[in-house]
Amino acid sequence: MELLKGLPLHRTFLAVTLNLLALTLSTTALLGSYWCTGTQKVPKPLCGKDKAQCVGVPMPSDADASNVSSEDTVHYSWETGDDRFAFRYFHTGMWLSCEESMEGPEEKCRSFIELSPPAERGILWLSLGSEMLYISLLLISFILLMVEILHTGNPVCGMKLNAFAAVSSVLSGLLGMVAHMMYTQVFQATVNLGPEDWRPHTWDYGWAFYMAWASFTCCMASAVTTLNTYTKTILEFKRNHIKGYDGSLKDHHQCFIQQISSYYEPKGKVFHSVSEGVDFYTDLQQKMLQREPELDLDEVLGQTIGEDRC
């Protein structure tokens, strides 16, 4: 019995762990800017100071060329085709899009909302709102599960908390799935219709994107575990109720047979089994139908039960 009582608590701890993991992953993914990564094809700048990747220009050929210092002298480059372009790294999240700077080690970041096409900005805002609501419902579900663990005195209250936590987890998982899919749609539209100086040459999904979907998986696993705990608890209560009801029916039947036997048999005779009482009840019914057809057996039994109760 102690093992059976501990199993729902273990399942609740598992649901809390999965919920907390989903909450951590989703928050990290929302604040991160690595949902998509790739390279951008940009023209190389003219050569100058502190520029590793550049395009040289022809050296002036007039008489004033002798006045140009050696530090300002640039050499002509025969680069053609793709040699005139550089491929810089970039990464994009729900809030910001950062790309590598050609002039220094620092990154240049811009708002992804401003980079997205105007027709897709409504979907992007809806995706952001769904993501925040997804995290909020995860937090609510986590609080309900923690209250259920700490408040173990009332099992009925614990079942209600478990049910609300399961519903909250399911709703949050659905909102998270919709938010991730909408962001993917907005990013693909921005790749095709975004600004010319931002459009990526090659791109792929980053670690934040996979972290967001891992959060969704943990959220749904937590919801299934919570629903499983609630369902098993309900079934356990029903089974115990049915067992108690069957026992009461058996006691009532035995009591009924004893009342019949004591009323119609001599006091010296006592029944020792229920089967004998059933046989006596059958014989009694036949005798009553033969001797007193005008008297209803149900009336006799009703009077008997009314006078002598167990």
Foldseek 3Di string as FASTA:
>chain_A
DVVVVCVLVVLLVLLLVLLVLLLVLLVVLQPDQAQKKAKAKAFADEDAPQFPQHAYDPQDDDPCSVVDDPRPDTHHDPDDDSSRIDIWMWTGGLFKIWIADRRDRDIDIDGVLVQFDPVLNVLSVLLVVLSVLLSVLSVVLSVLSVCLSVPPPDVVVSLVSLVSSLVSLVSSLVSLVSSLVSVVVRVVRSLVPGDPRPRGPDMDGGPSSVSSVSSSVSSVVSSVSSVVSSVVVVVVVVVVVVVVVVVVVVVVLVQLLQLVCCVPDDPVDDDDDVVVSVVVVVVVVVVCCVPPVPDDPVVVSVVSCVVDPD
